[in-house]
Amino acid sequence: MKHLALFISVFVFAGPALSQDWALRDSDRTLSADEVDTLTAGRTLVFYDDGRSAYGPGDTYSYTYAGGQSAPGRYSIAADGTVCIAYLNGFSRCDRYVESAGRIVLLTEDGERYPVRPAQK
């Protein structure tokens, strides 16, 4: 029941996010839901500020700041590829992933852009 309430809150807050233009640039190609799932499922994405978004297993999520503090939550991917996160502290947000000039970039609802570091091999 607690998880159901969490998911309902994500979609209530996601409504406005799903209808915005995300401040896309001409060079941006939005990733589909399938592409976002492939990008995120069971993976940790590292950003250039050393923040880390860890997706999975299942719908679990955690963002770890460069200083080591973490914010756990749950995530869902909408049909249009929007990723919405409901943090356990009550905060929620939605983001988009795009491909831009050969790199993956996270776009926030506020128009900020965070390039993802290439995966290390």
PDB file of N, CA and C in Angstrom:
ATOM      1  N   MET A   1       0.823  -1.187   0.000  1.00  0.00           N
ATOM      2  CA  MET A   1       0.000   0.000   0.000  1.00  0.00           C
ATOM      3  C   MET A   1       0.871   1.256   0.000  1.00  0.00           C
ATOM      4  N   LYS A   2       1.980   1.212   0.756  1.00  0.00           N
ATOM      5  CA  LYS A   2       2.883   2.350   0.803  1.00  0.00           C
ATOM      6  C   LYS A   2       3.469   2.622  -0.584  1.00  0.00           C
ATOM      7  N   HIS A   3       3.820   1.542  -1.314  1.00  0.00           N
ATOM      8  CA  HIS A   3       4.380   1.708  -2.652  1.00  0.00           C
ATOM      9  C   HIS A   3       3.345   2.284  -3.610  1.00  0.00           C
ATOM     10  N   LEU A   4       2.086   1.877  -3.470  1.00  0.00           N
ATOM     11  CA  LEU A   4       1.024   2.402  -4.325  1.00  0.00           C
ATOM     12  C   LEU A   4       0.887   3.904  -4.124  1.00  0.00           C
ATOM     13  N   ALA A   5       0.900   4.355  -2.897  1.00  0.00           N
ATOM     14  CA  ALA A   5       0.804   5.789  -2.617  1.00  0.00           C
ATOM     15  C   ALA A   5       1.999   6.535  -3.196  1.00  0.00           C
ATOM     16  N   LEU A   6       3.173   5.926  -3.135  1.00  0.00           N
ATOM     17  CA  LEU A   6       4.372   6.535  -3.682  1.00  0.00           C
ATOM     18  C   LEU A   6       4.244   6.707  -5.187  1.00  0.00           C
ATOM     19  N   PHE A   7       3.769   5.668  -5.887  1.00  0.00           N
ATOM     20  CA  PHE A   7       3.610   5.757  -7.339  1.00  0.00           C
ATOM     21  C   PHE A   7       2.531   6.752  -7.727  1.00  0.00           C
ATOM     22  N   ILE A   8       1.462   6.811  -6.970  1.00  0.00           N
ATOM     23  CA  ILE A   8       0.411   7.786  -7.260  1.00  0.00           C
ATOM     24  C   ILE A   8       0.971   9.196  -7.125  1.00  0.00           C
ATOM     25  N   SER A   9       1.771   9.436  -6.104  1.00  0.00           N
ATOM     26  CA  SER A   9       2.347  10.772  -5.929  1.00  0.00           C
ATOM     27  C   SER A   9       3.287  11.122  -7.072  1.00  0.00           C
ATOM     28  N   VAL A  10       4.028  10.149  -7.597  1.00  0.00           N
ATOM     29  CA  VAL A  10       4.908  10.411  -8.736  1.00  0.00           C
ATOM     30  C   VAL A  10       4.090  10.883  -9.925  1.00  0.00           C
ATOM     31  N   PHE A  11       2.992  10.208 -10.226  1.00  0.00           N
ATOM     32  CA  PHE A  11       2.214  10.565 -11.401  1.00  0.00           C
ATOM     33  C   PHE A  11       1.432  11.850 -11.209  1.00  0.00           C
ATOM     34  N   VAL A  12       1.055  12.184  -9.994  1.00  0.00           N
ATOM     35  CA  VAL A  12       0.394  13.469  -9.739  1.00  0.00           C
ATOM     36  C   VAL A  12       1.365  14.606 -10.035  1.00  0.00           C
ATOM     37  N   PHE A  13       2.601  14.464  -9.565  1.00  0.00           N
ATOM     38  CA  PHE A  13       3.596  15.496  -9.812  1.00  0.00           C
ATOM     39  C   PHE A  13       4.129  15.448 -11.237  1.00  0.00           C
ATOM     40  N   ALA A  14       4.047  14.299 -11.891  1.00  0.00           N
ATOM     41  CA  ALA A  14       4.593  14.140 -13.233  1.00  0.00           C
ATOM     42  C   ALA A  14       3.729  14.793 -14.295  1.00  0.00           C
ATOM     43  N   GLY A  15       2.454  14.998 -14.047  1.00  0.00           N
ATOM     44  CA  GLY A  15       1.554  15.559 -15.054  1.00  0.00           C
ATOM     45  C   GLY A  15       2.102  16.786 -15.742  1.00  0.00           C
ATOM     46  N   PRO A  16       2.477  17.838 -15.000  1.00  0.00           N
ATOM     47  CA  PRO A  16       3.025  19.024 -15.645  1.00  0.00           C
ATOM     48  C   PRO A  16       4.336  18.741 -16.365  1.00  0.00           C
ATOM     49  N   ALA A  17       5.156  17.850 -15.817  1.00  0.00           N
ATOM     50  CA  ALA A  17       6.439  17.547 -16.437  1.00  0.00           C
ATOM     51  C   ALA A  17       6.257  16.856 -17.771  1.00  0.00           C
ATOM     52  N   LEU A  18       5.247  16.008 -17.875  1.00  0.00           N
ATOM     53  CA  LEU A  18       5.044  15.259 -19.101  1.00  0.00           C
ATOM     54  C   LEU A  18       4.565  16.144 -20.245  1.00  0.00           C
ATOM     55  N   SER A  19       4.074  17.330 -19.949  1.00  0.00           N
ATOM     56  CA  SER A  19       3.537  18.184 -20.991  1.00  0.00           C
ATOM     57  C   SER A  19       4.460  19.346 -21.359  1.00  0.00           C
ATOM     58  N   GLN A  20       5.640  19.436 -20.782  1.00  0.00           N
ATOM     59  CA  GLN A  20       6.496  20.573 -21.082  1.00  0.00           C
ATOM     60  C   GLN A  20       7.458  20.275 -22.218  1.00  0.00           C
ATOM     61  N   ASP A  21       8.154  21.313 -22.683  1.00  0.00           N
ATOM     62  CA  ASP A  21       9.034  21.149 -23.840  1.00  0.00           C
ATOM     63  C   ASP A  21      10.469  20.811 -23.472  1.00  0.00           C
ATOM     64  N   TRP A  22      10.818  20.848 -22.203  1.00  0.00           N
ATOM     65  CA  TRP A  22      12.124  20.438 -21.693  1.00  0.00           C
ATOM     66  C   TRP A  22      13.282  21.282 -22.200  1.00  0.00           C
ATOM     67  N   ALA A  23      13.041  22.444 -22.778  1.00  0.00           N
ATOM     68  CA  ALA A  23      14.107  23.320 -23.273  1.00  0.00           C
ATOM     69  C   ALA A  23      15.065  22.555 -24.186  1.00  0.00           C
ATOM     70  N   LEU A  24      14.483  21.814 -25.106  1.00  0.00           N
ATOM     71  CA  LEU A  24      15.287  21.025 -26.034  1.00  0.00           C
ATOM     72  C   LEU A  24      16.069  21.927 -26.979  1.00  0.00           C
ATOM     73  N   ARG A  25      17.253  21.486 -27.333  1.00  0.00           N
ATOM     74  CA  ARG A  25      18.080  22.168 -28.331  1.00  0.00           C
ATOM     75  C   ARG A  25      17.893  21.469 -29.670  1.00  0.00           C
ATOM     76  N   ASP A  26      18.270  22.151 -30.734  1.00  0.00           N
ATOM     77  CA  ASP A  26      18.148  21.557 -32.068  1.00  0.00           C
ATOM     78  C   ASP A  26      18.933  20.255 -32.189  1.00  0.00           C
ATOM     79  N   SER A  27      20.039  20.157 -31.458  1.00  0.00           N
ATOM     80  CA  SER A  27      20.887  18.962 -31.540  1.00  0.00           C
ATOM     81  C   SER A  27      20.393  17.812 -30.661  1.00  0.00           C
ATOM     82  N   ASP A  28      19.331  18.025 -29.870  1.00  0.00           N
ATOM     83  CA  ASP A  28      18.828  17.002 -28.951  1.00  0.00           C
ATOM     84  C   ASP A  28      17.890  16.024 -29.643  1.00  0.00           C
ATOM     85  N   ARG A  29      18.085  14.741 -29.337  1.00  0.00           N
ATOM     86  CA  ARG A  29      17.135  13.703 -29.745  1.00  0.00           C
ATOM     87  C   ARG A  29      16.670  13.033 -28.464  1.00  0.00           C
ATOM     88  N   THR A  30      15.374  13.158 -28.162  1.00  0.00           N
ATOM     89  CA  THR A  30      14.870  12.553 -26.929  1.00  0.00           C
ATOM     90  C   THR A  30      14.919  11.037 -27.042  1.00  0.00           C
ATOM     91  N   LEU A  31      15.282  10.392 -25.953  1.00  0.00           N
ATOM     92  CA  LEU A  31      15.322   8.934 -25.930  1.00  0.00           C
ATOM     93  C   LEU A  31      13.918   8.394 -25.680  1.00  0.00           C
ATOM     94  N   SER A  32      13.601   7.311 -26.355  1.00  0.00           N
ATOM     95  CA  SER A  32      12.306   6.646 -26.167  1.00  0.00           C
ATOM     96  C   SER A  32      12.291   5.933 -24.818  1.00  0.00           C
ATOM     97  N   ALA A  33      11.118   5.487 -24.416  1.00  0.00           N
ATOM     98  CA  ALA A  33      10.999   4.739 -23.156  1.00  0.00           C
ATOM     99  C   ALA A  33      11.879   3.491 -23.184  1.00  0.00           C
ATOM    100  N   ASP A  34      11.903   2.783 -24.310  1.00  0.00           N
ATOM    101  CA  ASP A  34      12.746   1.583 -24.414  1.00  0.00           C
ATOM    102  C   ASP A  34      14.227   1.936 -24.304  1.00  0.00           C
ATOM    103  N   GLU A  35      14.631   3.029 -24.943  1.00  0.00           N
ATOM    104  CA  GLU A  35      16.035   3.450 -24.865  1.00  0.00           C
ATOM    105  C   GLU A  35      16.404   3.863 -23.442  1.00  0.00           C
ATOM    106  N   VAL A  36      15.501   4.555 -22.771  1.00  0.00           N
ATOM    107  CA  VAL A  36      15.761   4.963 -21.385  1.00  0.00           C
ATOM    108  C   VAL A  36      15.856   3.732 -20.487  1.00  0.00           C
ATOM    109  N   ASP A  37      14.986   2.759 -20.710  1.00  0.00           N
ATOM    110  CA  ASP A  37      15.040   1.528 -19.923  1.00  0.00           C
ATOM    111  C   ASP A  37      16.375   0.817 -20.132  1.00  0.00           C
ATOM    112  N   THR A  38      16.828   0.725 -21.376  1.00  0.00           N
ATOM    113  CA  THR A  38      18.117   0.094 -21.669  1.00  0.00           C
ATOM    114  C   THR A  38      19.260   0.867 -21.012  1.00  0.00           C
ATOM    115  N   LEU A  39      19.178   2.181 -21.034  1.00  0.00           N
ATOM    116  CA  LEU A  39      20.207   3.039 -20.447  1.00  0.00           C
ATOM    117  C   LEU A  39      20.286   2.897 -18.932  1.00  0.00           C
ATOM    118  N   THR A  40      19.130   2.748 -18.284  1.00  0.00           N
ATOM    119  CA  THR A  40      19.082   2.837 -16.823  1.00  0.00           C
ATOM    120  C   THR A  40      18.959   1.512 -16.078  1.00  0.00           C
ATOM    121  N   ALA A  41      18.292   0.534 -16.632  1.00  0.00           N
ATOM    122  CA  ALA A  41      17.942  -0.696 -15.898  1.00  0.00           C
ATOM    123  C   ALA A  41      19.167  -1.377 -15.292  1.00  0.00           C
ATOM    124  N   GLY A  42      19.210  -1.393 -13.963  1.00  0.00           N
ATOM    125  CA  GLY A  42      20.292  -2.062 -13.261  1.00  0.00           C
ATOM    126  C   GLY A  42      21.637  -1.374 -13.390  1.00  0.00           C
ATOM    127  N   ARG A  43      21.644  -0.123 -13.786  1.00  0.00           N
ATOM    128  CA  ARG A  43      22.900   0.586 -14.033  1.00  0.00           C
ATOM    129  C   ARG A  43      23.037   1.816 -13.144  1.00  0.00           C
ATOM    130  N   THR A  44      24.264   2.265 -13.043  1.00  0.00           N
ATOM    131  CA  THR A  44      24.563   3.520 -12.366  1.00  0.00           C
ATOM    132  C   THR A  44      25.150   4.478 -13.387  1.00  0.00           C
ATOM    133  N   LEU A  45      24.514   5.632 -13.534  1.00  0.00           N
ATOM    134  CA  LEU A  45      25.007   6.667 -14.440  1.00  0.00           C
ATOM    135  C   LEU A  45      25.788   7.683 -13.618  1.00  0.00           C
ATOM    136  N   VAL A  46      26.971   8.032 -14.105  1.00  0.00           N
ATOM    137  CA  VAL A  46      27.842   8.968 -13.399  1.00  0.00           C
ATOM    138  C   VAL A  46      27.883  10.277 -14.187  1.00  0.00           C
ATOM    139  N   PHE A  47      27.709  11.378 -13.475  1.00  0.00           N
ATOM    140  CA  PHE A  47      27.716  12.692 -14.095  1.00  0.00           C
ATOM    141  C   PHE A  47      29.070  13.356 -13.872  1.00  0.00           C
ATOM    142  N   TYR A  48      29.335  14.429 -14.604  1.00  0.00           N
ATOM    143  CA  TYR A  48      30.631  15.094 -14.513  1.00  0.00           C
ATOM    144  C   TYR A  48      30.853  15.810 -13.186  1.00  0.00           C
ATOM    145  N   ASP A  49      29.802  16.023 -12.404  1.00  0.00           N
ATOM    146  CA  ASP A  49      29.981  16.592 -11.058  1.00  0.00           C
ATOM    147  C   ASP A  49      30.206  15.491 -10.019  1.00  0.00           C
ATOM    148  N   ASP A  50      30.396  14.251 -10.495  1.00  0.00           N
ATOM    149  CA  ASP A  50      30.611  13.049  -9.684  1.00  0.00           C
ATOM    150  C   ASP A  50      29.367  12.568  -8.954  1.00  0.00           C
ATOM    151  N   GLY A  51      28.213  13.133  -9.256  1.00  0.00           N
ATOM    152  CA  GLY A  51      26.960  12.581  -8.760  1.00  0.00           C
ATOM    153  C   GLY A  51      26.664  11.278  -9.489  1.00  0.00           C
ATOM    154  N   ARG A  52      25.909  10.391  -8.834  1.00  0.00           N
ATOM    155  CA  ARG A  52      25.607   9.074  -9.403  1.00  0.00           C
ATOM    156  C   ARG A  52      24.131   8.753  -9.243  1.00  0.00           C
ATOM    157  N   SER A  53      23.508   8.374 -10.353  1.00  0.00           N
ATOM    158  CA  SER A  53      22.122   7.907 -10.340  1.00  0.00           C
ATOM    159  C   SER A  53      22.139   6.400 -10.513  1.00  0.00           C
ATOM    160  N   ALA A  54      21.699   5.677  -9.485  1.00  0.00           N
ATOM    161  CA  ALA A  54      21.675   4.213  -9.520  1.00  0.00           C
ATOM    162  C   ALA A  54      20.233   3.744  -9.695  1.00  0.00           C
ATOM    163  N   TYR A  55      19.985   3.016 -10.783  1.00  0.00           N
ATOM    164  CA  TYR A  55      18.651   2.515 -11.120  1.00  0.00           C
ATOM    165  C   TYR A  55      18.596   1.002 -10.927  1.00  0.00           C
ATOM    166  N   GLY A  56      17.678   0.548 -10.085  1.00  0.00           N
ATOM    167  CA  GLY A  56      17.442  -0.881  -9.954  1.00  0.00           C
ATOM    168  C   GLY A  56      18.165  -1.472  -8.769  1.00  0.00           C
ATOM    169  N   PRO A  57      17.828  -2.699  -8.445  1.00  0.00           N
ATOM    170  CA  PRO A  57      16.909  -3.582  -9.178  1.00  0.00           C
ATOM    171  C   PRO A  57      15.448  -3.147  -9.033  1.00  0.00           C
ATOM    172  N   GLY A  58      14.652  -3.592  -9.979  1.00  0.00           N
ATOM    173  CA  GLY A  58      13.237  -3.231  -9.976  1.00  0.00           C
ATOM    174  C   GLY A  58      13.078  -1.746 -10.189  1.00  0.00           C
ATOM    175  N   ASP A  59      12.298  -1.110  -9.338  1.00  0.00           N
ATOM    176  CA  ASP A  59      12.051   0.327  -9.467  1.00  0.00           C
ATOM    177  C   ASP A  59      12.829   1.143  -8.434  1.00  0.00           C
ATOM    178  N   THR A  60      13.814   0.516  -7.781  1.00  0.00           N
ATOM    179  CA  THR A  60      14.583   1.240  -6.768  1.00  0.00           C
ATOM    180  C   THR A  60      15.536   2.230  -7.426  1.00  0.00           C
ATOM    181  N   TYR A  61      15.786   3.309  -6.725  1.00  0.00           N
ATOM    182  CA  TYR A  61      16.633   4.384  -7.244  1.00  0.00           C
ATOM    183  C   TYR A  61      17.384   5.012  -6.080  1.00  0.00           C
ATOM    184  N   SER A  62      18.582   5.494  -6.359  1.00  0.00           N
ATOM    185  CA  SER A  62      19.321   6.261  -5.367  1.00  0.00           C
ATOM    186  C   SER A  62      20.228   7.244  -6.090  1.00  0.00           C
ATOM    187  N   TYR A  63      20.206   8.486  -5.637  1.00  0.00           N
ATOM    188  CA  TYR A  63      21.154   9.475  -6.137  1.00  0.00           C
ATOM    189  C   TYR A  63      22.194   9.685  -5.052  1.00  0.00           C
ATOM    190  N   THR A  64      23.468   9.553  -5.421  1.00  0.00           N
ATOM    191  CA  THR A  64      24.558   9.764  -4.483  1.00  0.00           C
ATOM    192  C   THR A  64      25.337  10.998  -4.908  1.00  0.00           C
ATOM    193  N   TYR A  65      25.422  11.946  -4.009  1.00  0.00           N
ATOM    194  CA  TYR A  65      26.150  13.184  -4.262  1.00  0.00           C
ATOM    195  C   TYR A  65      27.651  12.922  -4.221  1.00  0.00           C
ATOM    196  N   ALA A  66      28.429  13.831  -4.806  1.00  0.00           N
ATOM    197  CA  ALA A  66      29.882  13.686  -4.844  1.00  0.00           C
ATOM    198  C   ALA A  66      30.468  13.517  -3.449  1.00  0.00           C
ATOM    199  N   GLY A  67      29.857  14.126  -2.444  1.00  0.00           N
ATOM    200  CA  GLY A  67      30.341  14.018  -1.073  1.00  0.00           C
ATOM    201  C   GLY A  67      29.979  12.717  -0.384  1.00  0.00           C
ATOM    202  N   GLY A  68      29.169  11.873  -1.036  1.00  0.00           N
ATOM    203  CA  GLY A  68      28.831  10.567  -0.493  1.00  0.00           C
ATOM    204  C   GLY A  68      27.434  10.428   0.080  1.00  0.00           C
ATOM    205  N   GLN A  69      26.732  11.532   0.327  1.00  0.00           N
ATOM    206  CA  GLN A  69      25.375  11.442   0.868  1.00  0.00           C
ATOM    207  C   GLN A  69      24.428  10.947  -0.219  1.00  0.00           C
ATOM    208  N   SER A  70      23.489  10.062   0.164  1.00  0.00           N
ATOM    209  CA  SER A  70      22.563   9.469  -0.805  1.00  0.00           C
ATOM    210  C   SER A  70      21.120   9.852  -0.518  1.00  0.00           C
ATOM    211  N   ALA A  71      20.327   9.875  -1.593  1.00  0.00           N
ATOM    212  CA  ALA A  71      18.885  10.120  -1.504  1.00  0.00           C
ATOM    213  C   ALA A  71      18.180   8.964  -2.208  1.00  0.00           C
ATOM    214  N   PRO A  72      17.635   8.002  -1.447  1.00  0.00           N
ATOM    215  CA  PRO A  72      16.962   6.850  -2.052  1.00  0.00           C
ATOM    216  C   PRO A  72      15.523   7.170  -2.446  1.00  0.00           C
ATOM    217  N   GLY A  73      15.020   6.381  -3.386  1.00  0.00           N
ATOM    218  CA  GLY A  73      13.633   6.538  -3.819  1.00  0.00           C
ATOM    219  C   GLY A  73      13.221   5.428  -4.762  1.00  0.00           C
ATOM    220  N   ARG A  74      12.195   5.711  -5.541  1.00  0.00           N
ATOM    221  CA  ARG A  74      11.681   4.784  -6.549  1.00  0.00           C
ATOM    222  C   ARG A  74      11.523   5.558  -7.843  1.00  0.00           C
ATOM    223  N   TYR A  75      11.706   4.863  -8.975  1.00  0.00           N
ATOM    224  CA  TYR A  75      11.572   5.545 -10.257  1.00  0.00           C
ATOM    225  C   TYR A  75      10.611   4.807 -11.170  1.00  0.00           C
ATOM    226  N   SER A  76      10.095   5.557 -12.142  1.00  0.00           N
ATOM    227  CA  SER A  76       9.261   4.972 -13.189  1.00  0.00           C
ATOM    228  C   SER A  76       9.588   5.688 -14.489  1.00  0.00           C
ATOM    229  N   ILE A  77       9.385   4.977 -15.594  1.00  0.00           N
ATOM    230  CA  ILE A  77       9.619   5.538 -16.921  1.00  0.00           C
ATOM    231  C   ILE A  77       8.274   5.641 -17.617  1.00  0.00           C
ATOM    232  N   ALA A  78       7.899   6.853 -18.024  1.00  0.00           N
ATOM    233  CA  ALA A  78       6.628   7.080 -18.717  1.00  0.00           C
ATOM    234  C   ALA A  78       6.744   6.643 -20.178  1.00  0.00           C
ATOM    235  N   ALA A  79       5.619   6.529 -20.846  1.00  0.00           N
ATOM    236  CA  ALA A  79       5.577   6.084 -22.245  1.00  0.00           C
ATOM    237  C   ALA A  79       6.404   6.976 -23.164  1.00  0.00           C
ATOM    238  N   ASP A  80       6.551   8.256 -22.813  1.00  0.00           N
ATOM    239  CA  ASP A  80       7.333   9.168 -23.658  1.00  0.00           C
ATOM    240  C   ASP A  80       8.811   9.195 -23.281  1.00  0.00           C
ATOM    241  N   GLY A  81       9.237   8.367 -22.331  1.00  0.00           N
ATOM    242  CA  GLY A  81      10.635   8.302 -21.926  1.00  0.00           C
ATOM    243  C   GLY A  81      10.994   9.174 -20.740  1.00  0.00           C
ATOM    244  N   THR A  82      10.042   9.940 -20.230  1.00  0.00           N
ATOM    245  CA  THR A  82      10.291  10.754 -19.045  1.00  0.00           C
ATOM    246  C   THR A  82      10.533   9.843 -17.843  1.00  0.00           C
ATOM    247  N   VAL A  83      11.542  10.169 -17.060  1.00  0.00           N
ATOM    248  CA  VAL A  83      11.854   9.416 -15.848  1.00  0.00           C
ATOM    249  C   VAL A  83      11.389  10.232 -14.649  1.00  0.00           C
ATOM    250  N   CYS A  84      10.495   9.663 -13.852  1.00  0.00           N
ATOM    251  CA  CYS A  84      10.015  10.340 -12.647  1.00  0.00           C
ATOM    252  C   CYS A  84      10.497   9.579 -11.422  1.00  0.00           C
ATOM    253  N   ILE A  85      10.966  10.342 -10.449  1.00  0.00           N
ATOM    254  CA  ILE A  85      11.524   9.767  -9.227  1.00  0.00           C
ATOM    255  C   ILE A  85      10.761  10.310  -8.030  1.00  0.00           C
ATOM    256  N   ALA A  86      10.368   9.414  -7.152  1.00  0.00           N
ATOM    257  CA  ALA A  86       9.753   9.788  -5.874  1.00  0.00           C
ATOM    258  C   ALA A  86      10.751   9.397  -4.788  1.00  0.00           C
ATOM    259  N   TYR A  87      11.372  10.408  -4.195  1.00  0.00           N
ATOM    260  CA  TYR A  87      12.344  10.155  -3.137  1.00  0.00           C
ATOM    261  C   TYR A  87      11.628   9.811  -1.838  1.00  0.00           C
ATOM    262  N   LEU A  88      12.273   9.014  -1.021  1.00  0.00           N
ATOM    263  CA  LEU A  88      11.678   8.604   0.248  1.00  0.00           C
ATOM    264  C   LEU A  88      11.500   9.777   1.211  1.00  0.00           C
ATOM    265  N   ASN A  89      12.199  10.890   0.955  1.00  0.00           N
ATOM    266  CA  ASN A  89      12.058  12.077   1.807  1.00  0.00           C
ATOM    267  C   ASN A  89      10.847  12.927   1.421  1.00  0.00           C
ATOM    268  N   GLY A  90      10.069  12.489   0.413  1.00  0.00           N
ATOM    269  CA  GLY A  90       8.864  13.202   0.000  1.00  0.00           C
ATOM    270  C   GLY A  90       9.035  14.077  -1.229  1.00  0.00           C
ATOM    271  N   PHE A  91      10.257  14.361  -1.633  1.00  0.00           N
ATOM    272  CA  PHE A  91      10.520  15.163  -2.825  1.00  0.00           C
ATOM    273  C   PHE A  91      10.322  14.291  -4.061  1.00  0.00           C
ATOM    274  N   SER A  92       9.876  14.877  -5.157  1.00  0.00           N
ATOM    275  CA  SER A  92       9.778  14.130  -6.415  1.00  0.00           C
ATOM    276  C   SER A  92      10.184  15.033  -7.565  1.00  0.00           C
ATOM    277  N   ARG A  93      10.591  14.410  -8.662  1.00  0.00           N
ATOM    278  CA  ARG A  93      11.027  15.151  -9.842  1.00  0.00           C
ATOM    279  C   ARG A  93      10.893  14.277 -11.071  1.00  0.00           C
ATOM    280  N   CYS A  94      10.876  14.922 -12.226  1.00  0.00           N
ATOM    281  CA  CYS A  94      10.875  14.209 -13.500  1.00  0.00           C
ATOM    282  C   CYS A  94      11.983  14.787 -14.365  1.00  0.00           C
ATOM    283  N   ASP A  95      12.639  13.930 -15.124  1.00  0.00           N
ATOM    284  CA  ASP A  95      13.740  14.312 -15.996  1.00  0.00           C
ATOM    285  C   ASP A  95      13.575  13.643 -17.354  1.00  0.00           C
ATOM    286  N   ARG A  96      14.332  14.130 -18.329  1.00  0.00           N
ATOM    287  CA  ARG A  96      14.382  13.510 -19.656  1.00  0.00           C
ATOM    288  C   ARG A  96      15.832  13.217 -19.981  1.00  0.00           C
ATOM    289  N   TYR A  97      16.061  12.140 -20.699  1.00  0.00           N
ATOM    290  CA  TYR A  97      17.380  11.863 -21.247  1.00  0.00           C
ATOM    291  C   TYR A  97      17.324  12.124 -22.740  1.00  0.00           C
ATOM    292  N   VAL A  98      18.371  12.801 -23.240  1.00  0.00           N
ATOM    293  CA  VAL A  98      18.489  13.063 -24.669  1.00  0.00           C
ATOM    294  C   VAL A  98      19.881  12.650 -25.124  1.00  0.00           C
ATOM    295  N   GLU A  99      19.996  12.418 -26.422  1.00  0.00           N
ATOM    296  CA  GLU A  99      21.305  12.269 -27.039  1.00  0.00           C
ATOM    297  C   GLU A  99      21.585  13.594 -27.717  1.00  0.00           C
ATOM    298  N   SER A 100      22.739  14.166 -27.441  1.00  0.00           N
ATOM    299  CA  SER A 100      23.099  15.462 -28.002  1.00  0.00           C
ATOM    300  C   SER A 100      24.576  15.453 -28.364  1.00  0.00           C
ATOM    301  N   ALA A 101      24.850  15.635 -29.634  1.00  0.00           N
ATOM    302  CA  ALA A 101      26.238  15.674 -30.114  1.00  0.00           C
ATOM    303  C   ALA A 101      27.028  14.451 -29.655  1.00  0.00           C
ATOM    304  N   GLY A 102      26.398  13.285 -29.711  1.00  0.00           N
ATOM    305  CA  GLY A 102      27.088  12.045 -29.404  1.00  0.00           C
ATOM    306  C   GLY A 102      27.195  11.685 -27.936  1.00  0.00           C
ATOM    307  N   ARG A 103      26.563  12.455 -27.058  1.00  0.00           N
ATOM    308  CA  ARG A 103      26.609  12.113 -25.635  1.00  0.00           C
ATOM    309  C   ARG A 103      25.200  12.097 -25.059  1.00  0.00           C
ATOM    310  N   ILE A 104      25.048  11.399 -23.949  1.00  0.00           N
ATOM    311  CA  ILE A 104      23.768  11.340 -23.245  1.00  0.00           C
ATOM    312  C   ILE A 104      23.735  12.483 -22.228  1.00  0.00           C
ATOM    313  N   VAL A 105      22.612  13.201 -22.208  1.00  0.00           N
ATOM    314  CA  VAL A 105      22.455  14.351 -21.320  1.00  0.00           C
ATOM    315  C   VAL A 105      21.124  14.224 -20.592  1.00  0.00           C
ATOM    316  N   LEU A 106      21.138  14.472 -19.281  1.00  0.00           N
ATOM    317  CA  LEU A 106      19.911  14.514 -18.495  1.00  0.00           C
ATOM    318  C   LEU A 106      19.405  15.953 -18.489  1.00  0.00           C
ATOM    319  N   LEU A 107      18.130  16.137 -18.830  1.00  0.00           N
ATOM    320  CA  LEU A 107      17.487  17.451 -18.783  1.00  0.00           C
ATOM    321  C   LEU A 107      16.553  17.478 -17.586  1.00  0.00           C
ATOM    322  N   THR A 108      16.634  18.540 -16.799  1.00  0.00           N
ATOM    323  CA  THR A 108      15.729  18.679 -15.658  1.00  0.00           C
ATOM    324  C   THR A 108      14.516  19.511 -16.053  1.00  0.00           C
ATOM    325  N   GLU A 109      13.505  19.475 -15.204  1.00  0.00           N
ATOM    326  CA  GLU A 109      12.304  20.285 -15.420  1.00  0.00           C
ATOM    327  C   GLU A 109      12.631  21.773 -15.432  1.00  0.00           C
ATOM    328  N   ASP A 110      13.710  22.161 -14.752  1.00  0.00           N
ATOM    329  CA  ASP A 110      14.109  23.566 -14.662  1.00  0.00           C
ATOM    330  C   ASP A 110      14.981  24.011 -15.827  1.00  0.00           C
ATOM    331  N   GLY A 111      15.225  23.122 -16.789  1.00  0.00           N
ATOM    332  CA  GLY A 111      16.024  23.475 -17.950  1.00  0.00           C
ATOM    333  C   GLY A 111      17.520  23.267 -17.780  1.00  0.00           C
ATOM    334  N   GLU A 112      17.929  22.655 -16.671  1.00  0.00           N
ATOM    335  CA  GLU A 112      19.352  22.377 -16.479  1.00  0.00           C
ATOM    336  C   GLU A 112      19.749  21.145 -17.281  1.00  0.00           C
ATOM    337  N   ARG A 113      21.025  21.080 -17.642  1.00  0.00           N
ATOM    338  CA  ARG A 113      21.552  19.990 -18.461  1.00  0.00           C
ATOM    339  C   ARG A 113      22.736  19.353 -17.736  1.00  0.00           C
ATOM    340  N   TYR A 114      22.706  18.032 -17.608  1.00  0.00           N
ATOM    341  CA  TYR A 114      23.776  17.296 -16.941  1.00  0.00           C
ATOM    342  C   TYR A 114      24.251  16.166 -17.841  1.00  0.00           C
ATOM    343  N   PRO A 115      25.407  16.351 -18.505  1.00  0.00           N
ATOM    344  CA  PRO A 115      25.935  15.272 -19.343  1.00  0.00           C
ATOM    345  C   PRO A 115      26.340  14.066 -18.494  1.00  0.00           C
ATOM    346  N   VAL A 116      26.095  12.889 -19.044  1.00  0.00           N
ATOM    347  CA  VAL A 116      26.473  11.633 -18.397  1.00  0.00           C
ATOM    348  C   VAL A 116      27.861  11.250 -18.893  1.00  0.00           C
ATOM    349  N   ARG A 117      28.711  10.863 -17.968  1.00  0.00           N
ATOM    350  CA  ARG A 117      30.038  10.385 -18.371  1.00  0.00           C
ATOM    351  C   ARG A 117      29.889   9.095 -19.165  1.00  0.00           C
ATOM    352  N   PRO A 118      30.728   8.910 -20.174  1.00  0.00           N
ATOM    353  CA  PRO A 118      30.685   7.631 -20.899  1.00  0.00           C
ATOM    354  C   PRO A 118      30.991   6.481 -19.941  1.00  0.00           C
ATOM    355  N   ALA A 119      30.352   5.343 -20.169  1.00  0.00           N
ATOM    356  CA  ALA A 119      30.586   4.162 -19.329  1.00  0.00           C
ATOM    357  C   ALA A 119      32.030   3.719 -19.479  1.00  0.00           C
ATOM    358  N   GLN A 120      32.646   3.371 -18.346  1.00  0.00           N
ATOM    359  CA  GLN A 120      34.020   2.881 -18.396  1.00  0.00           C
ATOM    360  C   GLN A 120      34.022   1.431 -18.815  1.00  0.00           C
ATOM    361  N   LYS A 121      34.976   1.081 -19.633  1.00  0.00           N
ATOM    362  CA  LYS A 121      35.060  -0.292 -20.151  1.00  0.00           C
ATOM    363  C   LYS A 121      36.086  -1.088 -19.417  1.00  0.00           C
TER     364      LYS A 121
END
